Protein backbone atom coordinates (compact mmCIF):
# COMPACT_ATOMS: atom_id res chain seq x y z
CA MET A 1 -0.01 -0.03 -0.01
CA ASN A 2 1.34 3.45 -0.90
CA GLU A 3 1.21 6.32 1.52
CA TYR A 4 1.21 10.01 0.61
CA GLU A 5 1.46 12.85 3.07
CA PHE A 6 0.82 16.52 2.28
CA VAL A 7 -0.50 19.67 3.87
CA LEU A 8 -3.48 21.60 2.53
CA PRO A 9 -4.87 24.96 3.54
CA TRP A 10 -7.85 25.06 5.92
CA PRO A 11 -11.00 24.49 3.76
CA PRO A 12 -13.99 26.75 3.65
CA THR A 13 -17.05 25.51 5.55
CA VAL A 14 -19.98 23.87 3.77
CA ASN A 15 -21.88 27.12 4.32
CA THR A 16 -19.29 29.15 2.40
CA TYR A 17 -18.25 26.48 -0.13
CA TRP A 18 -21.69 26.01 -1.68
CA ARG A 19 -24.21 28.69 -2.74
CA ARG A 20 -27.77 28.46 -3.89
CA ARG A 21 -29.62 30.49 -6.49
CA GLY A 22 -33.25 29.39 -6.57
CA SER A 23 -33.21 25.62 -6.78
CA GLN A 24 -29.72 25.51 -8.24
CA TYR A 25 -26.61 24.87 -6.10
CA TYR A 26 -23.17 25.99 -7.22
CA ILE A 27 -19.66 26.31 -5.81
CA SER A 28 -18.94 29.81 -4.44
CA ASP A 29 -15.99 31.94 -5.48
CA LYS A 30 -14.35 30.96 -2.20
CA GLY A 31 -14.94 27.32 -2.86
CA GLN A 32 -13.58 27.54 -6.42
CA LYS A 33 -10.45 29.28 -5.16
CA TYR A 34 -9.92 26.52 -2.61
CA ARG A 35 -10.38 23.87 -5.30
CA LYS A 36 -7.78 25.53 -7.49
CA ASP A 37 -5.38 25.88 -4.55
CA VAL A 38 -5.70 22.17 -3.73
CA GLN A 39 -5.26 21.23 -7.40
CA GLN A 40 -2.17 23.39 -7.65
CA ILE A 41 -0.65 21.81 -4.52
CA ILE A 42 -1.26 18.31 -5.83
CA ARG A 43 0.28 19.28 -9.17
CA GLN A 44 3.33 20.94 -7.54
CA LEU A 45 3.90 17.72 -5.48
CA ARG A 46 3.66 15.74 -8.75
CA LEU A 47 1.19 13.37 -7.15
CA ASP A 48 -0.23 11.48 -10.08
CA ILE A 49 -2.17 9.00 -7.99
CA PHE A 50 -5.58 8.89 -9.67
CA THR A 51 -7.12 5.64 -8.61
CA LYS A 52 -10.50 3.93 -8.79
CA SER A 53 -9.45 1.71 -5.85
CA ARG A 54 -10.70 2.34 -2.38
CA LEU A 55 -8.76 4.90 -0.40
CA ARG A 56 -8.19 5.57 3.25
CA ILE A 57 -7.69 9.21 4.04
CA THR A 58 -6.47 10.42 7.42
CA ILE A 59 -7.03 14.12 8.15
CA ILE A 60 -5.19 15.96 10.91
CA ALA A 61 -7.07 19.24 11.25
CA GLU A 62 -5.15 22.18 12.69
CA PRO A 63 -7.55 25.20 12.73
CA PRO A 64 -5.99 28.56 11.74
CA ASP A 65 -7.21 30.20 14.97
CA SER A 66 -8.69 29.27 18.36
CA ARG A 67 -12.37 29.47 17.47
CA ARG A 68 -14.40 26.32 18.09
CA ARG A 69 -15.32 24.46 14.96
CA ASP A 70 -17.47 21.61 13.78
CA LEU A 71 -15.12 19.14 12.04
CA ASP A 72 -17.95 17.73 9.92
CA ASN A 73 -18.25 21.15 8.31
CA ILE A 74 -14.78 21.03 6.72
CA LEU A 75 -14.91 17.55 5.19
CA LYS A 76 -17.23 18.29 2.23
CA GLY A 77 -15.11 21.01 0.67
CA LEU A 78 -11.88 19.17 1.44
CA LEU A 79 -12.97 15.85 -0.10
CA ASP A 80 -14.65 17.50 -3.10
CA SER A 81 -11.43 19.40 -3.81
CA LEU A 82 -9.32 16.22 -3.61
CA ILE A 83 -11.65 14.46 -6.02
CA HIS A 84 -11.49 17.53 -8.34
CA ALA A 85 -7.68 17.47 -8.10
CA GLY A 86 -7.67 13.93 -9.39
CA ILE A 87 -6.80 11.97 -6.31
CA CYS A 88 -9.66 9.52 -6.93
CA GLY A 89 -12.49 9.17 -9.41
CA ARG A 90 -15.47 8.99 -7.14
CA ARG A 91 -16.58 9.70 -3.60
CA ARG A 92 -17.46 6.08 -2.86
CA ALA A 93 -13.76 5.21 -3.07
CA ILE A 94 -13.05 7.06 0.14
CA ARG A 95 -13.56 5.37 3.46
């Protein structure tokens, strides 16, 4: 089994990652910037690890300040951005 370790910036919360206009949901400007940042980091590290196999992802969250946070709130943007960056092909691959 291969292991990869890298550091990503603190993701936007679900509330700021997604926006809604009427019945349509879309990724906010803040969410798109985070996606691009993650994609750039993965590219700079030359991590060409796209896989359709199951993955195990361990997240060590270090908040940028001392405010209390709900960890569930950071996962959606983080995992969506990793999928967009080409780490894996589908969400079901992550456990």
